[in-house]
Amino acid sequence: MIANFTDRKLGKWLPIGALATSIFLLAGCSEEQPQHQMPPPGVSVFSVIDQEVGDYYEYIGRSEAINEVDIRARVEGFLVKRNFTEGGMVEQGQLLYEIDRAPFAAALKGAEAQLASSKASLINARKNLERSRDLVKRGAISQADYDNKTSSEAQAVAAVEAAEASLETARLNLGYTQISAPFTGEIGKSTYSVGNLVGPTSQPLATLTSMDPIYVTFQVDERQLISHLAEHPGTRTAQDTSVEVEEKGRFKLSLRLPNGTEYDQPGTFSFADTQIDETMGTLTLRATFPNPQGIILPGLYVTLQAESHQKTPMPLIPQAAVQQDQSGYFVLVVTPENVVETRQVEVGRRINAMWVVTSGLKQGEQIIVQGLQKVRPGGTVSPTLVNVDPTTGTLSSPASAKPQEQDI
């Protein structure tokens, strides 16, 4: 019976012991096998490049016509003809309006007749004076009579001069019945139609505006102006500053139109005011741009871009790689050991899809341009070098595209 009891006890605990042994064996095996690790995340990196970049400034400007004039009637009369299309281009000297000539032609004939009569009276007065000169010498007439003849001759001379002036006025008035364009430009809406009575007190008949070339006026902050004068001490006045910039060709002037497109004609500095605006603290400058196609209309708000011809190599990176926090702009740099680190940078101008870096990066360093959301500073990554189209920002592998350099 004791043997049977012992067998039953062994049969009861044997499965439990086997289970415990299995657990220990499994634990031993798990300690011996290495743990599985996740591979570093893959990211696309761009190798920082240096390109020639000049000093660059942008100003909001407004286009202005060089010449703008209100066409007015200088004599009173009825409009009999209009010789232009509203809103069209007219040439210098082109006949625009005609006023009824008949009254002025009649006045001209009357002035001509009056001049002829005055000249005849002058001839008679001179003959009488000549005869009186001999008579007064012989004592045939008194000195008073001679003086009267002298006075009559002088009055006749004055009458001729007055008649000549009246004739010239009549000719001018007749000429004013034809109103011509003082310069080439575009003419606006006609205020009066044919048949209306117009005169010097009437409203302008139309407005004529020159289109080519055209002005762009903009303002420069006084601090920037003082900095420029400090760098160029030979320019003592604002006007000298403009001339110095113009003559030495230090800046290339271009325009960006309101629709974001670049204007294809370069400009030149043409004027700088002589005083700072007290309320705004700015100096008014003006540039002149060719406008042969009439694309730039007066009154447009445009962006004037001034870029120096002298250039300096500076790092250029894709805008997609730049992030911003409370400290400013930063990028994620991949070290030679493939470790991610945060780098604060100072940026300058944007050029298409690229951004000029003024400090914080140097040529050859690699920055992450794709996969930013998968990494953290201090982590390890698996970088893949890519190229970036500087115009569109499109990524491509080095095998499919070479880095594109552009003259900035």
Protein backbone atom coordinates (compact mmCIF):
# COMPACT_ATOMS: atom_id res chain seq x y z
CA MET A 1 0.00 0.00 0.00
CA ILE A 2 2.85 2.37 0.74
CA ALA A 3 4.22 1.74 -2.74
CA ASN A 4 0.87 2.48 -4.31
CA PHE A 5 0.56 5.75 -2.36
CA THR A 6 4.03 6.82 -3.48
CA ASP A 7 3.22 6.10 -7.10
CA ARG A 8 0.09 8.19 -6.86
CA LYS A 9 2.04 11.16 -5.40
CA LEU A 10 4.66 10.96 -8.17
CA GLY A 11 1.95 10.77 -10.80
CA LYS A 12 0.34 13.91 -9.35
CA TRP A 13 3.46 16.17 -9.29
CA LEU A 14 5.24 14.86 -12.40
CA PRO A 15 3.34 17.05 -14.89
CA ILE A 16 3.94 20.16 -12.78
CA GLY A 17 7.66 19.51 -12.66
CA ALA A 18 7.82 18.95 -16.38
CA LEU A 19 6.02 22.28 -16.97
CA ALA A 20 8.43 24.16 -14.71
CA THR A 21 11.40 22.56 -16.44
CA SER A 22 10.05 23.66 -19.81
CA ILE A 23 9.66 27.26 -18.60
CA PHE A 24 13.23 27.40 -17.34
CA LEU A 25 14.51 25.91 -20.57
CA LEU A 26 12.59 28.48 -22.63
CA ALA A 27 13.87 31.29 -20.46
CA GLY A 28 17.42 30.06 -20.93
CA CYS A 29 16.99 29.93 -24.68
CA SER A 30 15.54 33.45 -24.81
CA GLU A 31 18.51 34.84 -22.90
CA GLU A 32 20.93 33.25 -25.30
CA GLN A 33 19.18 34.55 -28.49
CA PRO A 34 19.90 38.25 -29.47
CA GLN A 35 16.99 40.77 -29.42
CA HIS A 36 15.59 42.04 -32.81
CA GLN A 37 16.37 45.77 -33.51
CA MET A 38 14.53 48.14 -35.93
CA PRO A 39 16.67 49.52 -38.81
CA PRO A 40 17.33 53.32 -38.86
CA PRO A 41 14.72 55.29 -40.83
CA GLY A 42 15.55 56.22 -44.40
CA VAL A 43 15.70 59.93 -45.31
CA SER A 44 16.58 61.96 -48.40
CA VAL A 45 19.45 64.39 -47.92
CA PHE A 46 20.78 67.29 -49.98
CA SER A 47 24.43 68.27 -50.08
CA VAL A 48 24.70 72.02 -49.47
CA ILE A 49 26.08 73.90 -52.48
CA ASP A 50 27.65 77.33 -52.80
CA GLN A 51 26.58 79.68 -55.58
CA GLU A 52 27.41 83.24 -56.54
CA VAL A 53 24.81 85.51 -54.91
CA GLY A 54 24.73 89.30 -54.97
CA ASP A 55 23.32 91.82 -52.51
CA TYR A 56 19.60 91.92 -53.00
CA TYR A 57 16.85 94.35 -52.02
CA GLU A 58 13.14 94.48 -52.72
CA TYR A 59 10.93 97.58 -52.65
CA ILE A 60 7.25 98.10 -53.23
CA GLY A 61 6.95 100.67 -56.00
CA ARG A 62 4.25 102.35 -58.02
CA SER A 63 4.39 102.99 -61.74
CA GLU A 64 3.94 106.54 -63.02
CA ALA A 65 3.71 108.06 -66.45
CA ILE A 66 6.60 110.32 -67.41
CA ASN A 67 4.20 112.68 -69.23
CA GLU A 68 0.50 113.15 -68.58
CA VAL A 69 -1.53 116.07 -69.84
CA ASP A 70 -5.16 117.18 -69.93
CA ILE A 71 -6.21 118.13 -73.45
CA ARG A 72 -8.11 121.44 -73.25
CA ALA A 73 -9.76 123.88 -75.64
CA ARG A 74 -8.00 127.27 -75.78
CA VAL A 75 -10.77 129.00 -77.74
CA GLU A 76 -14.53 128.80 -77.47
CA GLY A 77 -16.45 127.10 -80.22
CA PHE A 78 -18.38 124.01 -81.30
CA LEU A 79 -16.59 120.69 -81.73
CA VAL A 80 -16.92 119.60 -85.33
CA LYS A 81 -14.60 116.57 -85.44
CA ARG A 82 -12.81 114.02 -83.25
CA ASN A 83 -9.90 112.22 -84.94
CA PHE A 84 -8.92 109.41 -82.57
CA THR A 85 -10.19 106.21 -81.01
CA GLU A 86 -10.74 106.41 -77.26
CA GLY A 87 -8.20 104.35 -75.35
CA GLY A 88 -5.93 104.08 -78.39
CA MET A 89 -2.40 105.20 -79.16
CA VAL A 90 -1.83 108.59 -80.80
CA GLU A 91 1.37 109.99 -82.25
CA GLN A 92 3.00 113.32 -81.45
CA GLY A 93 1.46 116.03 -83.65
CA GLN A 94 -1.60 113.93 -84.54
CA LEU A 95 -4.78 116.01 -84.92
CA LEU A 96 -7.17 115.11 -82.08
CA TYR A 97 -10.06 117.65 -82.15
CA GLU A 98 -11.32 120.30 -84.53
CA ILE A 99 -13.37 123.32 -83.44
CA ASP A 100 -15.54 125.28 -85.90
CA ARG A 101 -13.07 127.50 -87.78
CA ALA A 102 -15.52 129.90 -89.47
CA PRO A 103 -15.70 132.62 -86.77
CA PHE A 104 -11.94 132.61 -86.31
CA ALA A 105 -11.25 132.67 -90.05
CA ALA A 106 -13.51 135.74 -90.31
CA ALA A 107 -11.73 137.37 -87.39
CA LEU A 108 -8.42 136.71 -89.14
CA LYS A 109 -9.62 138.46 -92.30
CA GLY A 110 -10.82 141.43 -90.24
CA ALA A 111 -7.41 141.64 -88.54
CA GLU A 112 -5.66 141.53 -91.91
CA ALA A 113 -7.87 144.37 -93.20
CA GLN A 114 -7.25 146.42 -90.09
CA LEU A 115 -3.52 145.99 -90.50
CA ALA A 116 -3.72 147.10 -94.14
CA SER A 117 -5.70 150.20 -93.12
CA SER A 118 -3.23 151.01 -90.35
CA LYS A 119 -0.31 150.72 -92.72
CA ALA A 120 -2.02 153.08 -95.20
CA SER A 121 -2.63 155.61 -92.43
CA LEU A 122 1.02 155.35 -91.43
CA ILE A 123 2.16 156.10 -94.97
CA ASN A 124 -0.04 159.20 -95.11
CA ALA A 125 1.10 160.36 -91.68
CA ARG A 126 4.75 160.06 -92.67
CA LYS A 127 4.21 162.07 -95.88
CA ASN A 128 2.41 164.80 -93.97
CA LEU A 129 5.22 164.91 -91.44
CA GLU A 130 7.82 165.17 -94.21
CA ARG A 131 6.01 168.13 -95.83
CA SER A 132 5.54 169.83 -92.47
CA ARG A 133 9.27 169.61 -91.79
CA ASP A 134 10.01 171.88 -94.82
CA LEU A 135 7.11 174.21 -94.03
CA VAL A 136 8.09 174.79 -90.45
CA LYS A 137 11.64 175.67 -91.59
CA ARG A 138 10.24 178.36 -93.90
CA GLY A 139 7.85 179.58 -91.23
CA ALA A 140 4.78 178.61 -93.26
CA ILE A 141 3.29 176.66 -90.35
CA SER A 142 3.64 176.99 -86.64
CA GLN A 143 5.69 174.75 -84.43
CA ALA A 144 2.44 173.50 -82.85
CA ASP A 145 1.19 172.27 -86.23
CA TYR A 146 4.47 170.49 -86.81
CA ASP A 147 4.25 168.82 -83.41
CA ASN A 148 0.72 167.62 -84.25
CA LYS A 149 2.03 166.03 -87.47
CA THR A 150 4.80 164.33 -85.49
CA SER A 151 2.27 162.98 -83.00
CA SER A 152 0.00 161.72 -85.78
CA GLU A 153 2.90 159.81 -87.35
CA ALA A 154 3.75 158.18 -83.98
CA GLN A 155 0.09 157.22 -83.46
CA ALA A 156 0.01 155.66 -86.93
CA VAL A 157 3.11 153.59 -86.09
CA ALA A 158 1.45 152.40 -82.87
CA ALA A 159 -1.75 151.58 -84.76
CA VAL A 160 0.21 149.39 -87.18
CA GLU A 161 1.89 147.56 -84.31
CA ALA A 162 -1.51 147.01 -82.62
CA ALA A 163 -2.98 145.74 -85.87
CA GLU A 164 -0.07 143.35 -86.30
CA ALA A 165 -0.63 142.05 -82.76
CA SER A 166 -4.35 141.61 -83.45
CA LEU A 167 -3.52 139.73 -86.62
CA GLU A 168 -1.13 137.42 -84.74
CA THR A 169 -3.82 136.78 -82.12
CA ALA A 170 -6.34 135.98 -84.82
CA ARG A 171 -3.92 133.55 -86.43
CA LEU A 172 -3.25 131.85 -83.08
CA ASN A 173 -6.97 131.57 -82.32
CA LEU A 174 -7.57 130.05 -85.72
CA GLY A 175 -4.74 127.59 -85.06
CA TYR A 176 -6.24 126.70 -81.67
CA THR A 177 -9.30 125.35 -83.45
CA GLN A 178 -7.12 122.33 -84.30
CA ILE A 179 -5.93 120.49 -81.17
CA SER A 180 -2.98 118.12 -81.68
CA ALA A 181 -1.18 115.61 -79.43
CA PRO A 182 1.86 117.19 -77.71
CA PHE A 183 3.58 113.78 -77.43
CA THR A 184 3.09 110.13 -78.29
CA GLY A 185 0.94 108.19 -75.85
CA GLU A 186 -2.41 106.63 -75.07
CA ILE A 187 -5.49 108.84 -74.94
CA GLY A 188 -8.42 108.20 -72.64
CA LYS A 189 -12.15 108.75 -72.86
CA SER A 190 -13.40 111.86 -74.64
CA THR A 191 -15.38 114.09 -72.28
CA TYR A 192 -17.29 115.85 -75.04
CA SER A 193 -18.82 114.57 -78.24
CA VAL A 194 -19.03 116.36 -81.58
CA GLY A 195 -21.50 119.27 -81.45
CA ASN A 196 -20.73 120.37 -77.89
CA LEU A 197 -19.70 123.92 -77.15
CA VAL A 198 -16.27 123.95 -75.51
CA GLY A 199 -13.88 126.62 -74.36
CA PRO A 200 -11.10 127.53 -71.94
CA THR A 201 -13.45 127.13 -68.95
CA SER A 202 -14.67 123.67 -70.03
CA GLN A 203 -13.50 120.43 -68.47
CA PRO A 204 -10.54 118.65 -70.12
CA LEU A 205 -11.51 117.16 -73.44
CA ALA A 206 -9.43 114.03 -72.75
CA THR A 207 -6.25 112.92 -70.96
CA LEU A 208 -3.12 111.90 -72.85
CA THR A 209 -0.58 109.66 -71.10
CA SER A 210 2.86 108.62 -72.29
CA MET A 211 3.60 104.90 -71.90
CA ASP A 212 7.18 104.32 -73.02
CA PRO A 213 9.34 104.65 -71.03
CA ILE A 214 7.66 104.65 -67.63
CA TYR A 215 8.69 105.59 -64.09
CA VAL A 216 8.65 103.36 -61.01
CA THR A 217 8.77 105.36 -57.77
CA PHE A 218 9.77 103.70 -54.50
CA GLN A 219 10.96 104.57 -51.01
CA VAL A 220 14.20 103.61 -49.25
CA ASP A 221 14.38 103.50 -45.46
CA GLU A 222 16.62 106.19 -43.96
CA ARG A 223 18.69 103.59 -42.10
CA GLN A 224 19.52 101.75 -45.30
CA LEU A 225 20.37 105.06 -46.98
CA ILE A 226 22.76 106.04 -44.17
CA SER A 227 24.44 102.63 -44.38
CA HIS A 228 24.95 103.11 -48.12
CA LEU A 229 26.40 106.59 -47.65
CA ALA A 230 28.74 105.24 -44.96
CA GLU A 231 29.97 102.53 -47.35
CA HIS A 232 30.39 105.07 -50.18
CA PRO A 233 31.65 108.29 -48.53
CA GLY A 234 32.25 109.97 -51.88
CA THR A 235 28.49 110.34 -52.40
CA ARG A 236 27.53 113.31 -50.25
CA THR A 237 23.92 113.80 -51.36
CA ALA A 238 20.97 111.61 -52.21
CA GLN A 239 21.18 112.63 -55.86
CA ASP A 240 24.89 111.74 -55.93
CA THR A 241 23.99 108.36 -54.47
CA SER A 242 21.61 107.67 -57.32
CA VAL A 243 24.11 108.84 -59.93
CA GLU A 244 26.95 106.83 -58.38
CA VAL A 245 24.85 103.67 -58.40
CA GLU A 246 23.87 104.36 -61.99
CA GLU A 247 27.32 105.16 -63.35
CA LYS A 248 29.17 102.31 -61.72
CA GLY A 249 26.39 99.86 -62.52
CA ARG A 250 26.49 98.37 -59.06
CA PHE A 251 22.88 97.19 -59.23
CA LYS A 252 20.72 95.45 -61.74
CA LEU A 253 17.11 96.66 -61.55
CA SER A 254 14.20 94.41 -62.41
CA LEU A 255 10.47 94.28 -61.75
CA ARG A 256 8.03 91.66 -60.51
CA LEU A 257 4.53 92.42 -61.75
CA PRO A 258 1.35 92.11 -59.64
CA ASN A 259 0.60 88.66 -61.11
CA GLY A 260 3.97 87.36 -59.89
CA THR A 261 5.69 87.26 -63.29
CA GLU A 262 9.09 88.83 -63.95
CA TYR A 263 9.18 91.81 -66.30
CA ASP A 264 11.65 91.22 -69.12
CA GLN A 265 13.05 94.76 -69.40
CA PRO A 266 15.85 96.03 -67.08
CA GLY A 267 15.63 99.49 -65.54
CA THR A 268 17.97 102.28 -64.47
CA PHE A 269 18.04 104.67 -61.52
CA SER A 270 16.97 108.14 -62.66
CA PHE A 271 16.13 110.29 -59.64
CA ALA A 272 16.60 110.60 -55.87
CA ASP A 273 14.81 113.19 -53.78
CA THR A 274 16.83 115.69 -51.76
CA GLN A 275 14.96 115.36 -48.45
CA ILE A 276 13.81 112.58 -46.13
CA ASP A 277 10.06 112.33 -45.60
CA GLU A 278 9.62 113.41 -41.97
CA THR A 279 6.52 111.29 -41.34
CA MET A 280 7.72 108.06 -42.97
CA GLY A 281 11.49 108.32 -42.52
CA THR A 282 12.08 107.36 -46.15
CA LEU A 283 13.72 108.81 -49.23
CA THR A 284 11.88 108.74 -52.53
CA LEU A 285 13.80 107.31 -55.49
CA ARG A 286 12.75 106.67 -59.04
CA ALA A 287 13.74 104.19 -61.72
CA THR A 288 12.98 104.28 -65.43
CA PHE A 289 11.92 101.17 -67.37
CA PRO A 290 11.34 100.68 -71.09
CA ASN A 291 7.71 99.85 -71.82
CA PRO A 292 7.48 99.23 -75.58
CA GLN A 293 4.54 96.83 -75.28
CA GLY A 294 2.63 99.00 -72.83
CA ILE A 295 2.48 96.17 -70.27
CA ILE A 296 3.11 98.46 -67.30
CA LEU A 297 0.17 100.81 -66.89
CA PRO A 298 0.47 103.92 -64.70
CA GLY A 299 -0.72 103.30 -61.15
CA LEU A 300 0.38 99.66 -60.83
CA TYR A 301 1.88 98.39 -57.58
CA VAL A 302 5.01 96.46 -58.52
CA THR A 303 8.00 94.95 -56.73
CA LEU A 304 11.29 96.57 -57.68
CA GLN A 305 14.26 94.23 -57.27
CA ALA A 306 17.77 95.65 -56.95
CA GLU A 307 20.61 93.13 -57.18
CA SER A 308 24.30 93.96 -57.13
CA HIS A 309 26.52 92.79 -59.98
CA GLN A 310 29.26 91.96 -57.48
CA LYS A 311 28.54 88.46 -56.13
CA THR A 312 29.77 86.32 -53.23
CA PRO A 313 29.65 82.49 -52.89
CA MET A 314 26.94 81.60 -50.36
CA PRO A 315 25.18 78.34 -49.37
CA LEU A 316 21.94 77.63 -51.20
CA ILE A 317 19.44 75.10 -49.81
CA PRO A 318 15.89 73.96 -50.69
CA GLN A 319 13.11 75.82 -48.93
CA ALA A 320 11.52 72.46 -48.06
CA ALA A 321 14.43 71.70 -45.71
CA VAL A 322 13.94 74.84 -43.60
CA GLN A 323 11.82 74.71 -40.45
CA GLN A 324 10.96 77.38 -37.92
CA ASP A 325 10.42 77.49 -34.17
CA GLN A 326 10.50 80.16 -31.47
CA SER A 327 14.28 80.43 -31.83
CA GLY A 328 14.12 81.10 -35.56
CA TYR A 329 14.93 79.03 -38.62
CA PHE A 330 16.68 75.65 -38.41
CA VAL A 331 17.52 72.59 -40.49
CA LEU A 332 18.29 68.97 -39.63
CA VAL A 333 21.89 68.09 -40.48
CA VAL A 334 23.12 64.51 -40.93
CA THR A 335 26.67 64.08 -39.60
CA PRO A 336 29.26 61.78 -41.22
CA GLU A 337 28.23 59.19 -38.58
CA ASN A 338 24.61 59.42 -39.87
CA VAL A 339 23.44 61.09 -36.67
CA VAL A 340 20.79 63.83 -36.87
CA GLU A 341 21.49 67.20 -35.29
CA THR A 342 19.56 70.48 -35.23
CA ARG A 343 21.31 73.50 -36.76
CA GLN A 344 20.09 77.09 -36.37
CA VAL A 345 20.53 79.09 -39.57
CA GLU A 346 20.06 82.65 -40.77
CA VAL A 347 18.46 82.94 -44.17
CA GLY A 348 18.46 85.69 -46.78
CA ARG A 349 16.59 85.97 -50.05
CA ARG A 350 14.47 83.28 -51.66
CA ILE A 351 15.33 82.33 -55.22
CA ASN A 352 12.62 80.16 -56.76
CA ALA A 353 12.63 76.93 -54.69
CA MET A 354 15.92 77.71 -52.94
CA TRP A 355 16.89 79.83 -49.94
CA VAL A 356 20.17 81.67 -49.42
CA VAL A 357 21.80 80.90 -46.05
CA THR A 358 23.78 83.78 -44.58
CA SER A 359 25.15 81.79 -41.61
CA GLY A 360 24.93 78.36 -39.99
CA LEU A 361 25.84 76.06 -42.91
CA LYS A 362 28.75 75.43 -45.20
CA GLN A 363 29.22 73.73 -48.54
CA GLY A 364 29.19 69.92 -48.48
CA GLU A 365 27.11 69.46 -45.33
CA GLN A 366 24.08 67.23 -45.77
CA ILE A 367 20.62 68.32 -44.68
CA ILE A 368 17.38 66.34 -44.64
CA VAL A 369 14.90 67.37 -47.32
CA GLN A 370 12.48 64.43 -47.14
CA GLY A 371 11.47 62.25 -44.20
CA LEU A 372 11.66 65.01 -41.60
CA GLN A 373 8.70 63.58 -39.70
CA LYS A 374 10.47 60.24 -39.14
CA VAL A 375 13.57 61.53 -37.34
CA ARG A 376 14.56 63.19 -34.11
CA PRO A 377 17.77 64.99 -33.09
CA GLY A 378 20.37 62.52 -31.82
CA GLY A 379 18.89 59.60 -33.74
CA THR A 380 20.58 57.57 -36.44
CA VAL A 381 19.26 57.60 -40.01
CA SER A 382 19.93 55.91 -43.33
CA PRO A 383 20.53 58.84 -45.75
CA THR A 384 20.03 58.79 -49.51
CA LEU A 385 21.62 61.64 -51.45
CA VAL A 386 19.24 63.45 -53.85
CA ASN A 387 19.39 66.46 -56.14
CA VAL A 388 16.89 69.33 -56.04
CA ASP A 389 15.67 71.27 -59.06
CA PRO A 390 16.42 74.91 -58.06
CA THR A 391 13.38 76.22 -59.92
CA THR A 392 10.63 73.75 -59.00
CA GLY A 393 12.06 72.05 -55.90
CA THR A 394 11.55 68.57 -57.42
CA LEU A 395 13.73 65.82 -55.94
CA SER A 396 15.69 63.42 -58.14
CA SER A 397 18.41 60.87 -57.66
CA PRO A 398 21.98 61.82 -58.63
CA ALA A 399 21.93 59.16 -61.31
CA SER A 400 18.96 60.75 -63.10
CA ALA A 401 19.88 64.40 -62.77
CA LYS A 402 22.94 66.51 -62.13
CA PRO A 403 22.89 69.50 -59.78
CA GLN A 404 21.69 72.59 -61.60
CA GLU A 405 23.59 75.78 -61.01
CA GLN A 406 22.18 79.13 -61.82
CA ASP A 407 23.56 82.64 -61.91
CA ILE A 408 22.03 84.39 -58.94
